[in-house]
Amino acid sequence: MILAVSDTIAIAGMAVGAVLGFLIHFVITLLSKGKAKASAQEILSEARIDAEKVRGDAEAQARDRAEELKAQAEKQIETDREDLNEKGRRLDKREDQIERKQGLLDDKQESILRSENEISARRKRMQVQEENLEKVYKQEVDELEKISGLNKQEAGRMLLEKLEKTLDGEMSELIEKRMRAAREESEEKSREIVVTTIQRLAAKHTSENVSSSIQLPSEDMKGRIIGREGRNIRAFEKATGVDVVVDETPGVVIVSGFDPVRREIARRSMAELVTDGRIHPARIEEIVEANQSEMDKVIAEAGKEGCSVLGLHEVHPEIQKLLGRLQFRTSYGQNMLDHSIEVARLMQLLACQVGLDETIAKKSGLMHDMGKAIDHEVEGGHPEIGAEFAKRYGEQDLVVNAIAAHHDGCEKLSLFPVLVQAADAISAARPGARRESLERYIKRLEELEEVAKSFEGVEQVYAIQAGREVRIMVNSDAVDDSRMPVLGRDIANKIEEELRYPGEIKVTLMRETRVVEFAR
């Protein structure tokens, strides 16, 4: 700082010297013509006074600057000293904390060592106790074996058997409880849907035979139908493909055949021949041919009307013709076109209940059995035939899958096949919808009873309510109460797997325990 002041003074002196030199030169120049000395002395004196004044001012400024710089330096030094003191205090505090933590760590280490020593001592004591307990346990087991006459393995087996029986009972009770709750909930919901659907359905009951009767105006007409040496009846049977039965029944002739379309053509042709009265081979062929053409129109109109009543106006004409053939086809006495329309209506109602597309549902129900119209002409089952026919004429994939899968013939891609199965069962199972022969009815009951008898512990089986319920008496010694729910579920599952039936079959198990004693 002192060097800076000296430098400032030197610079100021040099500046003063430069000014004085300039002034002297100027004065000398002015006084060179005569007034040089007097003026020069005066000017020089004034210049010296000014120079001294400038020098004094410069020195005062330099001293002030020096004092200011000195004060700033001292202030900075004081600030730095305070910072160092603060850092020193923090370091001292941190050292104290470290020392305290170190003390705590030392205490913890000593505590851990003491705990380890205690654990080691306790482990040794426990080992001794375990050895003593093992000896006591062995002595007790030997004593129990002597008292009970059973060894350890036999006692363990008895305990496991008892535990297994207990668990079986609890498990069966739990299974029965859960199944009962699920069954009640599902039955309530399904019953609500089905009942609502059936209540909204209005369908007629139709039953058809494999033969048709034609009323005759007189007994003489039978001879004309037979013709000379039977040529008329042979020509009629050849043209129509059906059998004509002319017996002693008065005023009636019967046409019989398993093809319903041909039988209907034969019935119409025979009725027209009887009305016309002209019966000979050429006339027979002419009328049969005309009725065949008329039947094609009737079939097409029946299919179109079936689609129209359901509001399905965009069905391909070939599919409509195939559906029309179902008008003359029956299954267990149930008209197949009426059945298909009924299933379509049920499908619409069920789809509305569960929130599915009603148009797809109606198409699936209407077309589900259309393969039966040509299953005697095309190889394969009616679901596959119907699905292939629907696919050929551009039906949606969901409709095709519903047709193909409604008898579990392929994988179900949606809920529509399930609804078709439900609607098909409802339509087939409602009272009066179908008719089955006595032989088939008895066979179905026998099959139902045989399935139930195949289980161990079953003594007697009774199929009642036309096969809608099977009641089973079990041996009370072979089947206890805990096994009853499991056995009932197994029998129901086997019935579902092995038998085909419409609707559902109720399985009821009964167990009776009787104790008889005599007092003498």
Protein backbone atom coordinates (compact mmCIF):
# COMPACT_ATOMS: atom_id res chain seq x y z
CA MET A 1 0.00 0.00 0.00
CA ILE A 2 2.92 2.42 0.80
CA LEU A 3 4.46 1.68 -2.60
CA ALA A 4 1.21 2.67 -4.27
CA VAL A 5 1.27 6.04 -2.45
CA SER A 6 4.90 6.69 -3.50
CA ASP A 7 4.06 5.89 -7.07
CA THR A 8 1.20 8.31 -6.98
CA ILE A 9 3.45 11.09 -5.60
CA ALA A 10 6.10 10.43 -8.23
CA ILE A 11 3.55 10.60 -11.00
CA ALA A 12 2.22 13.85 -9.60
CA GLY A 13 5.77 15.32 -9.46
CA MET A 14 6.46 14.36 -13.02
CA ALA A 15 3.26 16.03 -14.09
CA VAL A 16 4.19 19.21 -12.23
CA GLY A 17 7.67 19.21 -13.77
CA ALA A 18 6.23 18.85 -17.22
CA VAL A 19 3.92 21.80 -16.65
CA LEU A 20 6.71 23.95 -15.26
CA GLY A 21 8.96 23.15 -18.22
CA PHE A 22 6.28 24.10 -20.62
CA LEU A 23 5.58 27.35 -18.80
CA ILE A 24 9.24 28.26 -18.62
CA HIS A 25 9.72 27.69 -22.31
CA PHE A 26 6.64 29.75 -23.03
CA VAL A 27 7.77 32.61 -20.76
CA ILE A 28 11.22 32.68 -22.26
CA THR A 29 9.74 32.85 -25.68
CA LEU A 30 7.53 35.80 -24.74
CA LEU A 31 10.28 37.73 -23.00
CA SER A 32 12.77 37.19 -25.73
CA LYS A 33 11.97 40.58 -27.26
CA GLY A 34 12.54 42.70 -24.22
CA LYS A 35 10.28 41.87 -21.32
CA ALA A 36 11.73 38.51 -20.70
CA LYS A 37 13.17 38.56 -17.22
CA ALA A 38 10.53 40.51 -15.29
CA SER A 39 7.65 38.61 -16.77
CA ALA A 40 9.55 35.36 -16.54
CA GLN A 41 10.23 35.80 -12.88
CA GLU A 42 6.64 36.66 -12.20
CA ILE A 43 5.30 33.80 -14.23
CA LEU A 44 7.85 31.44 -12.75
CA SER A 45 6.84 32.48 -9.26
CA GLU A 46 3.20 31.93 -10.01
CA ALA A 47 4.00 28.63 -11.64
CA ARG A 48 5.88 27.46 -8.59
CA ILE A 49 2.97 28.43 -6.37
CA ASP A 50 0.54 26.52 -8.59
CA ALA A 51 2.86 23.55 -8.73
CA GLU A 52 3.13 23.43 -4.97
CA LYS A 53 -0.62 23.69 -4.70
CA VAL A 54 -1.12 20.82 -7.22
CA ARG A 55 1.48 18.77 -5.43
CA GLY A 56 -0.25 19.30 -2.06
CA ASP A 57 -3.59 18.34 -3.47
CA ALA A 58 -2.11 15.21 -5.03
CA GLU A 59 -0.44 14.20 -1.78
CA ALA A 60 -3.72 14.75 0.15
CA GLN A 61 -5.65 12.61 -2.33
CA ALA A 62 -2.97 9.94 -2.16
CA ARG A 63 -3.11 9.87 1.63
CA ASP A 64 -6.96 9.64 1.58
CA ARG A 65 -6.82 6.81 -0.93
CA ALA A 66 -4.23 5.03 1.14
CA GLU A 67 -6.37 5.31 4.28
CA GLU A 68 -9.40 4.03 2.41
CA LEU A 69 -7.52 0.99 1.03
CA LYS A 70 -6.08 0.31 4.47
CA ALA A 71 -9.57 0.34 6.07
CA GLN A 72 -10.92 -2.03 3.40
CA ALA A 73 -7.99 -4.40 3.90
CA GLU A 74 -8.48 -4.44 7.67
CA LYS A 75 -12.23 -5.08 7.25
CA GLN A 76 -11.55 -8.02 4.86
CA ILE A 77 -8.99 -9.45 7.26
CA GLU A 78 -11.53 -9.24 10.12
CA THR A 79 -14.20 -11.00 8.02
CA ASP A 80 -11.79 -13.79 7.06
CA ARG A 81 -10.79 -14.18 10.68
CA GLU A 82 -14.46 -14.57 11.74
CA ASP A 83 -15.05 -17.18 9.02
CA LEU A 84 -12.04 -19.16 10.16
CA ASN A 85 -13.24 -18.98 13.73
CA GLU A 86 -16.74 -20.24 12.70
CA LYS A 87 -15.27 -23.14 10.73
CA GLY A 88 -13.10 -23.99 13.69
CA ARG A 89 -16.13 -24.06 15.98
CA ARG A 90 -18.02 -26.34 13.55
CA LEU A 91 -15.05 -28.70 13.34
CA ASP A 92 -14.88 -28.85 17.11
CA LYS A 93 -18.60 -29.62 17.28
CA ARG A 94 -18.27 -32.38 14.66
CA GLU A 95 -15.38 -33.90 16.54
CA ASP A 96 -17.54 -33.97 19.68
CA GLN A 97 -20.35 -35.72 17.78
CA ILE A 98 -17.95 -38.28 16.33
CA GLU A 99 -16.56 -38.96 19.75
CA ARG A 100 -20.10 -39.47 21.14
CA LYS A 101 -21.03 -41.83 18.28
CA GLN A 102 -17.86 -43.75 18.76
CA GLY A 103 -18.76 -44.12 22.41
CA LEU A 104 -22.25 -45.39 21.48
CA LEU A 105 -20.76 -47.87 18.99
CA ASP A 106 -18.42 -49.14 21.63
CA ASP A 107 -21.36 -49.59 24.02
CA LYS A 108 -23.37 -51.44 21.36
CA GLN A 109 -20.45 -53.67 20.52
CA GLU A 110 -20.09 -54.58 24.18
CA SER A 111 -23.85 -55.23 24.37
CA ILE A 112 -23.68 -57.47 21.27
CA LEU A 113 -20.82 -59.41 22.75
CA ARG A 114 -22.77 -59.90 25.94
CA SER A 115 -25.86 -61.00 23.93
CA GLU A 116 -23.80 -63.47 21.91
CA ASN A 117 -22.41 -64.93 25.08
CA GLU A 118 -25.91 -65.23 26.55
CA ILE A 119 -27.26 -66.83 23.32
CA SER A 120 -24.40 -69.29 23.27
CA ALA A 121 -25.07 -70.23 26.86
CA ARG A 122 -28.82 -70.52 26.19
CA ARG A 123 -28.19 -72.71 23.12
CA LYS A 124 -26.13 -75.04 25.24
CA ARG A 125 -28.87 -75.19 27.86
CA MET A 126 -31.50 -75.86 25.15
CA GLN A 127 -29.41 -78.66 23.69
CA VAL A 128 -29.26 -80.24 27.09
CA GLN A 129 -33.01 -79.78 27.52
CA GLU A 130 -33.72 -81.26 24.07
CA GLU A 131 -31.63 -84.27 24.88
CA ASN A 132 -33.53 -84.69 28.12
CA LEU A 133 -36.89 -84.22 26.34
CA GLU A 134 -35.91 -86.75 23.68
CA LYS A 135 -35.15 -89.25 26.39
CA VAL A 136 -38.43 -88.50 28.15
CA TYR A 137 -40.37 -88.63 24.83
CA LYS A 138 -38.82 -91.98 23.96
CA GLN A 139 -39.68 -93.33 27.38
CA GLU A 140 -43.29 -92.05 27.04
CA VAL A 141 -43.64 -93.53 23.54
CA ASP A 142 -42.35 -96.88 24.76
CA GLU A 143 -44.75 -96.74 27.67
CA LEU A 144 -47.70 -95.81 25.40
CA GLU A 145 -46.81 -98.61 22.98
CA LYS A 146 -46.78 -101.07 25.85
CA ILE A 147 -50.14 -99.79 27.16
CA SER A 148 -51.95 -99.48 23.78
CA GLY A 149 -50.35 -102.42 22.02
CA LEU A 150 -49.65 -100.21 18.94
CA ASN A 151 -46.36 -99.09 17.52
CA LYS A 152 -45.60 -95.58 16.31
CA GLN A 153 -46.42 -96.28 12.66
CA GLU A 154 -49.77 -97.87 13.45
CA ALA A 155 -50.75 -95.02 15.76
CA GLY A 156 -49.76 -92.47 13.13
CA ARG A 157 -51.79 -94.29 10.50
CA MET A 158 -54.84 -94.33 12.77
CA LEU A 159 -54.43 -90.65 13.47
CA LEU A 160 -54.12 -89.86 9.75
CA GLU A 161 -57.21 -91.92 8.96
CA LYS A 162 -59.20 -90.10 11.61
CA LEU A 163 -57.91 -86.76 10.37
CA GLU A 164 -58.72 -87.70 6.78
CA LYS A 165 -62.31 -88.60 7.70
CA THR A 166 -62.67 -85.33 9.58
CA LEU A 167 -61.27 -83.35 6.66
CA ASP A 168 -63.43 -85.28 4.19
CA GLY A 169 -66.51 -84.38 6.16
CA GLU A 170 -65.55 -80.72 6.44
CA MET A 171 -64.54 -80.56 2.78
CA SER A 172 -67.76 -82.22 1.63
CA GLU A 173 -69.75 -79.85 3.80
CA LEU A 174 -67.88 -76.86 2.39
CA ILE A 175 -68.24 -78.12 -1.19
CA GLU A 176 -71.94 -78.74 -0.67
CA LYS A 177 -72.40 -75.31 0.85
CA ARG A 178 -70.60 -73.56 -2.00
CA MET A 179 -72.32 -75.64 -4.66
CA ARG A 180 -75.71 -75.05 -3.04
CA ALA A 181 -75.14 -71.30 -3.02
CA ALA A 182 -73.87 -71.27 -6.61
CA ARG A 183 -76.70 -73.56 -7.73
CA GLU A 184 -79.36 -71.44 -6.05
CA GLU A 185 -77.96 -68.26 -7.53
CA SER A 186 -77.55 -69.70 -11.04
CA GLU A 187 -80.92 -71.46 -10.94
CA GLU A 188 -82.65 -68.31 -9.80
CA LYS A 189 -81.07 -66.22 -12.55
CA SER A 190 -81.51 -68.83 -15.28
CA ARG A 191 -85.06 -69.55 -14.16
CA GLU A 192 -85.86 -65.87 -14.34
CA ILE A 193 -84.44 -65.60 -17.87
CA VAL A 194 -86.05 -68.82 -19.12
CA VAL A 195 -89.43 -68.14 -17.53
CA THR A 196 -89.47 -64.61 -18.91
CA THR A 197 -88.56 -65.97 -22.33
CA ILE A 198 -91.17 -68.74 -22.31
CA GLN A 199 -93.89 -66.38 -21.10
CA ARG A 200 -93.21 -64.10 -24.04
CA LEU A 201 -93.27 -66.99 -26.51
CA ALA A 202 -96.51 -68.04 -28.19
CA ALA A 203 -96.07 -71.15 -30.35
CA LYS A 204 -98.39 -73.90 -31.46
CA HIS A 205 -97.83 -77.62 -30.71
CA THR A 206 -97.40 -79.63 -33.91
CA SER A 207 -97.12 -83.40 -34.30
CA GLU A 208 -96.84 -85.23 -37.63
CA ASN A 209 -96.77 -88.86 -38.81
CA VAL A 210 -94.82 -90.71 -41.48
CA SER A 211 -98.02 -91.43 -43.40
CA SER A 212 -100.88 -89.40 -44.85
CA SER A 213 -104.51 -90.43 -45.37
CA ILE A 214 -106.64 -89.44 -48.36
CA GLN A 215 -110.41 -89.66 -48.08
CA LEU A 216 -112.16 -91.44 -50.97
CA PRO A 217 -115.67 -90.62 -52.22
CA SER A 218 -116.51 -94.32 -52.59
CA GLU A 219 -115.04 -97.80 -52.28
CA ASP A 220 -115.00 -98.13 -56.10
CA MET A 221 -112.21 -95.56 -56.18
CA LYS A 222 -109.81 -98.07 -54.59
CA GLY A 223 -110.08 -100.32 -57.64
CA ARG A 224 -109.39 -97.43 -59.99
CA ILE A 225 -106.36 -96.43 -57.93
CA ILE A 226 -104.99 -99.98 -58.14
CA GLY A 227 -105.78 -100.27 -61.84
CA ARG A 228 -105.73 -103.29 -64.07
CA GLU A 229 -103.23 -105.77 -62.66
CA GLY A 230 -101.97 -103.00 -60.37
CA ARG A 231 -100.45 -100.83 -63.12
CA ASN A 232 -101.87 -97.56 -61.75
CA ILE A 233 -100.61 -98.05 -58.20
CA ARG A 234 -97.19 -99.16 -59.47
CA ALA A 235 -96.94 -96.11 -61.73
CA PHE A 236 -97.94 -93.86 -58.82
CA GLU A 237 -95.38 -95.40 -56.43
CA LYS A 238 -92.65 -95.18 -59.08
CA ALA A 239 -93.39 -91.52 -59.86
CA THR A 240 -93.63 -90.39 -56.23
CA GLY A 241 -91.21 -92.74 -54.43
CA VAL A 242 -93.69 -93.59 -51.66
CA ASP A 243 -95.76 -96.61 -50.72
CA VAL A 244 -99.52 -96.66 -51.27
CA VAL A 245 -101.52 -98.73 -48.80
CA VAL A 246 -104.97 -99.80 -49.92
CA ASP A 247 -106.55 -102.00 -47.24
CA GLU A 248 -109.95 -102.76 -45.86
CA THR A 249 -110.26 -99.43 -44.06
CA PRO A 250 -113.42 -97.91 -45.55
CA GLY A 251 -113.13 -94.74 -47.60
CA VAL A 252 -109.40 -94.21 -46.99
CA VAL A 253 -106.16 -94.79 -48.88
CA ILE A 254 -102.80 -94.17 -47.22
CA VAL A 255 -99.51 -92.93 -48.69
CA SER A 256 -96.48 -93.74 -46.55
CA GLY A 257 -92.87 -92.68 -46.81
CA PHE A 258 -90.01 -91.32 -44.70
CA ASP A 259 -89.23 -88.45 -47.09
CA PRO A 260 -91.78 -85.80 -46.04
CA VAL A 261 -91.47 -83.80 -49.27
CA ARG A 262 -92.16 -86.80 -51.44
CA ARG A 263 -94.98 -87.87 -49.15
CA GLU A 264 -96.59 -84.44 -49.44
CA ILE A 265 -96.28 -84.52 -53.26
CA ALA A 266 -97.87 -87.97 -53.23
CA ARG A 267 -100.69 -86.82 -50.95
CA ARG A 268 -101.48 -83.83 -53.15
CA SER A 269 -101.25 -85.88 -56.32
CA MET A 270 -103.48 -88.65 -54.96
CA ALA A 271 -106.07 -86.13 -53.77
CA GLU A 272 -106.09 -84.46 -57.19
CA LEU A 273 -106.40 -87.82 -59.00
CA VAL A 274 -109.30 -88.83 -56.78
CA THR A 275 -111.03 -85.50 -57.40
CA ASP A 276 -110.39 -85.64 -61.18
CA GLY A 277 -111.36 -89.30 -61.54
CA ARG A 278 -109.08 -89.92 -64.52
CA ILE A 279 -106.51 -92.37 -63.18
CA HIS A 280 -104.03 -93.95 -65.57
CA PRO A 281 -100.19 -93.98 -65.81
CA ALA A 282 -99.89 -91.00 -68.17
CA ARG A 283 -102.25 -88.87 -66.07
CA ILE A 284 -100.44 -89.95 -62.90
CA GLU A 285 -97.08 -88.82 -64.30
CA GLU A 286 -98.54 -85.52 -65.47
CA ILE A 287 -100.12 -84.69 -62.10
CA VAL A 288 -97.09 -85.79 -60.09
CA GLU A 289 -94.82 -83.63 -62.25
CA ALA A 290 -97.13 -80.64 -61.84
CA ASN A 291 -97.25 -81.13 -58.08
CA GLN A 292 -93.46 -81.39 -57.91
CA SER A 293 -93.18 -77.96 -59.57
CA GLU A 294 -95.86 -76.62 -57.27
CA MET A 295 -94.05 -78.09 -54.26
CA ASP A 296 -90.86 -76.19 -55.18
CA LYS A 297 -92.89 -72.97 -55.06
CA VAL A 298 -94.52 -74.00 -51.77
CA ILE A 299 -91.12 -74.77 -50.25
CA ALA A 300 -89.67 -71.44 -51.37
CA GLU A 301 -92.72 -69.59 -50.08
CA ALA A 302 -92.57 -71.44 -46.71
CA GLY A 303 -88.92 -70.50 -46.24
CA LYS A 304 -89.56 -66.90 -47.25
CA GLU A 305 -92.54 -66.67 -44.89
CA GLY A 306 -90.48 -68.15 -42.04
CA CYS A 307 -87.82 -65.47 -42.53
CA SER A 308 -90.47 -62.77 -42.92
CA VAL A 309 -92.26 -63.52 -39.63
CA LEU A 310 -88.90 -63.08 -37.87
CA GLY A 311 -88.08 -59.85 -39.69
CA LEU A 312 -85.10 -61.41 -41.54
CA HIS A 313 -85.49 -59.99 -45.05
CA GLU A 314 -81.88 -60.29 -46.23
CA VAL A 315 -81.52 -64.09 -46.07
CA HIS A 316 -80.17 -65.63 -49.28
CA PRO A 317 -82.93 -67.24 -51.44
CA GLU A 318 -81.15 -70.63 -51.45
CA ILE A 319 -81.10 -70.64 -47.65
CA GLN A 320 -84.81 -69.75 -47.69
CA LYS A 321 -85.52 -72.75 -49.96
CA LEU A 322 -83.56 -75.06 -47.65
CA LEU A 323 -85.49 -73.73 -44.66
CA GLY A 324 -88.76 -74.25 -46.55
CA ARG A 325 -87.96 -77.97 -46.90
CA LEU A 326 -88.07 -78.19 -43.09
CA GLN A 327 -91.84 -77.51 -43.34
CA PHE A 328 -92.19 -81.15 -44.38
CA ARG A 329 -89.61 -82.59 -41.99
CA THR A 330 -90.27 -83.77 -38.43
CA SER A 331 -88.12 -84.78 -35.45
CA TYR A 332 -89.83 -86.91 -32.79
CA GLY A 333 -93.11 -85.72 -34.28
CA GLN A 334 -92.15 -82.02 -34.04
CA ASN A 335 -92.35 -79.98 -37.27
CA MET A 336 -88.82 -78.76 -37.95
CA LEU A 337 -89.68 -75.40 -39.54
CA ASP A 338 -92.01 -74.55 -36.66
CA HIS A 339 -89.30 -75.73 -34.28
CA SER A 340 -86.68 -73.57 -36.01
CA ILE A 341 -88.90 -70.48 -35.92
CA GLU A 342 -89.65 -71.16 -32.27
CA VAL A 343 -85.94 -71.50 -31.47
CA ALA A 344 -85.27 -68.25 -33.35
CA ARG A 345 -87.87 -66.42 -31.25
CA LEU A 346 -86.42 -67.91 -28.08
CA MET A 347 -82.95 -66.84 -29.23
CA GLN A 348 -84.18 -63.29 -29.76
CA LEU A 349 -85.67 -63.17 -26.27
CA LEU A 350 -82.60 -64.73 -24.64
CA ALA A 351 -80.24 -62.41 -26.52
CA CYS A 352 -82.28 -59.45 -25.34
CA GLN A 353 -81.94 -60.70 -21.75
CA VAL A 354 -78.14 -61.08 -21.92
CA GLY A 355 -77.39 -58.12 -24.20
CA LEU A 356 -76.35 -59.80 -27.49
CA ASP A 357 -77.13 -58.92 -31.12
CA GLU A 358 -80.74 -59.99 -31.76
CA THR A 359 -80.39 -60.32 -35.55
CA ILE A 360 -77.46 -62.76 -35.26
CA ALA A 361 -79.38 -64.61 -32.54
CA LYS A 362 -82.51 -64.99 -34.72
CA LYS A 363 -80.46 -66.19 -37.72
CA SER A 364 -78.58 -68.69 -35.55
CA GLY A 365 -81.82 -70.09 -34.14
CA LEU A 366 -83.63 -70.23 -37.48
CA MET A 367 -80.78 -71.95 -39.33
CA HIS A 368 -79.44 -74.24 -36.59
CA ASP A 369 -81.22 -77.38 -37.92
CA MET A 370 -81.46 -76.57 -41.63
CA GLY A 371 -78.88 -79.28 -42.37
CA LYS A 372 -81.57 -81.84 -41.52
CA ALA A 373 -83.36 -80.91 -44.75
CA ILE A 374 -80.60 -82.52 -46.82
CA ASP A 375 -78.72 -84.75 -44.35
CA HIS A 376 -80.12 -87.83 -46.19
CA GLU A 377 -78.55 -86.50 -49.42
CA VAL A 378 -75.21 -85.11 -48.15
CA GLU A 379 -72.65 -86.97 -46.05
CA GLY A 380 -72.07 -85.65 -42.53
CA GLY A 381 -74.03 -84.49 -39.51
CA HIS A 382 -76.69 -81.82 -39.82
CA PRO A 383 -74.66 -79.15 -37.86
CA GLU A 384 -71.72 -79.46 -40.27
CA ILE A 385 -73.98 -79.58 -43.33
CA GLY A 386 -75.97 -76.54 -42.21
CA ALA A 387 -72.83 -74.55 -41.30
CA GLU A 388 -71.22 -75.30 -44.67
CA PHE A 389 -74.40 -74.28 -46.50
CA ALA A 390 -74.66 -71.03 -44.54
CA LYS A 391 -70.99 -70.22 -45.16
CA ARG A 392 -71.37 -70.92 -48.88
CA TYR A 393 -74.11 -68.30 -49.19
CA GLY A 394 -72.34 -65.55 -47.25
CA GLU A 395 -73.68 -65.77 -43.68
CA GLN A 396 -71.67 -64.18 -40.86
CA ASP A 397 -68.97 -66.19 -39.11
CA LEU A 398 -70.80 -66.00 -35.77
CA VAL A 399 -73.93 -67.51 -37.34
CA VAL A 400 -71.89 -70.26 -39.04
CA ASN A 401 -70.15 -71.10 -35.76
CA ALA A 402 -73.45 -71.15 -33.84
CA ILE A 403 -74.87 -73.67 -36.35
CA ALA A 404 -71.75 -75.86 -36.31
CA ALA A 405 -71.22 -75.80 -32.53
CA HIS A 406 -74.76 -76.16 -31.18
CA HIS A 407 -74.14 -79.90 -30.67
CA ASP A 408 -70.55 -79.36 -29.43
CA GLY A 409 -69.12 -80.40 -32.78
CA CYS A 410 -66.47 -77.66 -32.76
CA GLU A 411 -65.10 -74.87 -30.61
CA LYS A 412 -67.58 -72.19 -29.54
CA LEU A 413 -66.38 -68.72 -30.62
CA SER A 414 -69.15 -66.78 -28.83
CA LEU A 415 -72.18 -67.16 -26.56
CA PHE A 416 -74.53 -67.75 -29.50
CA PRO A 417 -73.94 -71.56 -29.67
CA VAL A 418 -74.72 -71.78 -25.94
CA LEU A 419 -77.95 -69.83 -26.42
CA VAL A 420 -78.87 -72.07 -29.37
CA GLN A 421 -78.41 -75.13 -27.14
CA ALA A 422 -80.61 -73.57 -24.44
CA ALA A 423 -83.33 -72.46 -26.86
CA ASP A 424 -83.24 -75.85 -28.66
CA ALA A 425 -83.66 -77.66 -25.34
CA ILE A 426 -86.54 -75.38 -24.28
CA SER A 427 -88.35 -75.89 -27.58
CA ALA A 428 -87.84 -79.67 -27.53
CA ALA A 429 -88.63 -80.17 -23.84
CA ARG A 430 -91.84 -78.16 -23.48
CA PRO A 431 -94.94 -80.37 -22.98
CA GLY A 432 -96.49 -81.64 -26.20
CA ALA A 433 -93.68 -80.47 -28.45
CA ARG A 434 -92.29 -83.92 -29.20
CA ARG A 435 -93.48 -87.48 -29.23
CA GLU A 436 -91.28 -90.51 -28.69
CA SER A 437 -92.02 -94.19 -28.96
CA LEU A 438 -92.63 -96.40 -25.93
CA GLU A 439 -89.52 -98.42 -26.72
CA ARG A 440 -87.29 -95.36 -26.83
CA TYR A 441 -88.90 -94.00 -23.67
CA ILE A 442 -88.24 -97.22 -21.75
CA LYS A 443 -84.70 -97.45 -23.12
CA ARG A 444 -83.93 -93.92 -21.95
CA LEU A 445 -85.15 -94.72 -18.45
CA GLU A 446 -83.12 -97.92 -18.35
CA GLU A 447 -79.97 -96.09 -19.47
CA LEU A 448 -80.51 -93.52 -16.76
CA GLU A 449 -80.87 -96.18 -14.07
CA GLU A 450 -77.83 -98.12 -15.32
CA VAL A 451 -75.61 -95.03 -15.08
CA ALA A 452 -76.61 -94.50 -11.46
CA LYS A 453 -76.19 -98.20 -10.56
CA SER A 454 -72.60 -98.18 -11.85
CA PHE A 455 -71.40 -96.36 -8.70
CA GLU A 456 -70.22 -98.23 -5.61
CA GLY A 457 -72.57 -98.02 -2.65
CA VAL A 458 -75.75 -97.57 -4.75
CA GLU A 459 -78.43 -100.14 -3.87
CA GLN A 460 -81.60 -99.13 -5.71
CA VAL A 461 -82.36 -96.62 -8.49
CA TYR A 462 -85.78 -95.34 -9.61
CA ALA A 463 -86.26 -93.08 -12.67
CA ILE A 464 -89.48 -91.09 -12.18
CA GLN A 465 -91.37 -88.20 -13.78
CA ALA A 466 -90.70 -89.45 -17.31
CA GLY A 467 -86.98 -89.50 -16.69
CA ARG A 468 -86.83 -85.95 -15.32
CA GLU A 469 -85.72 -87.19 -11.89
CA VAL A 470 -83.75 -90.18 -10.63
CA ARG A 471 -83.96 -91.24 -6.98
CA ILE A 472 -81.11 -93.30 -5.58
CA MET A 473 -81.00 -95.37 -2.39
CA VAL A 474 -77.45 -95.84 -1.08
CA ASN A 475 -75.99 -98.34 1.38
CA SER A 476 -75.66 -96.55 4.72
CA ASP A 477 -72.64 -98.64 5.69
CA ALA A 478 -70.71 -97.94 2.47
CA VAL A 479 -71.68 -94.27 2.06
CA ASP A 480 -71.72 -91.86 4.97
CA ASP A 481 -73.28 -88.40 5.09
CA SER A 482 -70.04 -86.66 4.17
CA ARG A 483 -69.80 -88.59 0.88
CA MET A 484 -73.38 -87.98 -0.21
CA PRO A 485 -72.80 -84.57 -1.93
CA VAL A 486 -69.70 -85.83 -3.73
CA LEU A 487 -71.46 -89.01 -4.92
CA GLY A 488 -74.47 -87.03 -6.14
CA ARG A 489 -72.23 -84.66 -8.10
CA ASP A 490 -70.31 -87.61 -9.65
CA ILE A 491 -73.54 -89.31 -10.76
CA ALA A 492 -74.87 -86.07 -12.27
CA ASN A 493 -71.58 -85.53 -14.14
CA LYS A 494 -71.65 -89.05 -15.58
CA ILE A 495 -75.26 -88.60 -16.71
CA GLU A 496 -74.25 -85.36 -18.48
CA GLU A 497 -71.33 -87.09 -20.19
CA GLU A 498 -73.00 -90.33 -21.34
CA LEU A 499 -76.67 -89.50 -21.99
CA ARG A 500 -78.41 -87.17 -24.43
CA TYR A 501 -81.66 -85.66 -23.12
CA PRO A 502 -83.62 -82.42 -23.35
CA GLY A 503 -83.88 -80.16 -20.30
CA GLU A 504 -82.39 -81.33 -17.00
CA ILE A 505 -82.47 -84.40 -14.76
CA LYS A 506 -82.75 -84.06 -10.99
CA VAL A 507 -80.54 -86.48 -9.00
CA THR A 508 -81.79 -87.23 -5.48
CA LEU A 509 -79.77 -89.41 -3.07
CA MET A 510 -81.34 -90.98 0.04
CA ARG A 511 -79.57 -92.71 2.94
CA GLU A 512 -81.26 -94.52 5.77
CA THR A 513 -79.77 -96.06 8.91
CA ARG A 514 -81.85 -98.62 10.80
CA VAL A 515 -81.02 -100.19 14.15
CA VAL A 516 -82.99 -103.28 15.23
CA GLU A 517 -82.65 -104.86 18.67
CA PHE A 518 -84.65 -107.56 20.42
CA ALA A 519 -85.56 -107.62 24.11
CA ARG A 520 -85.98 -111.09 25.58
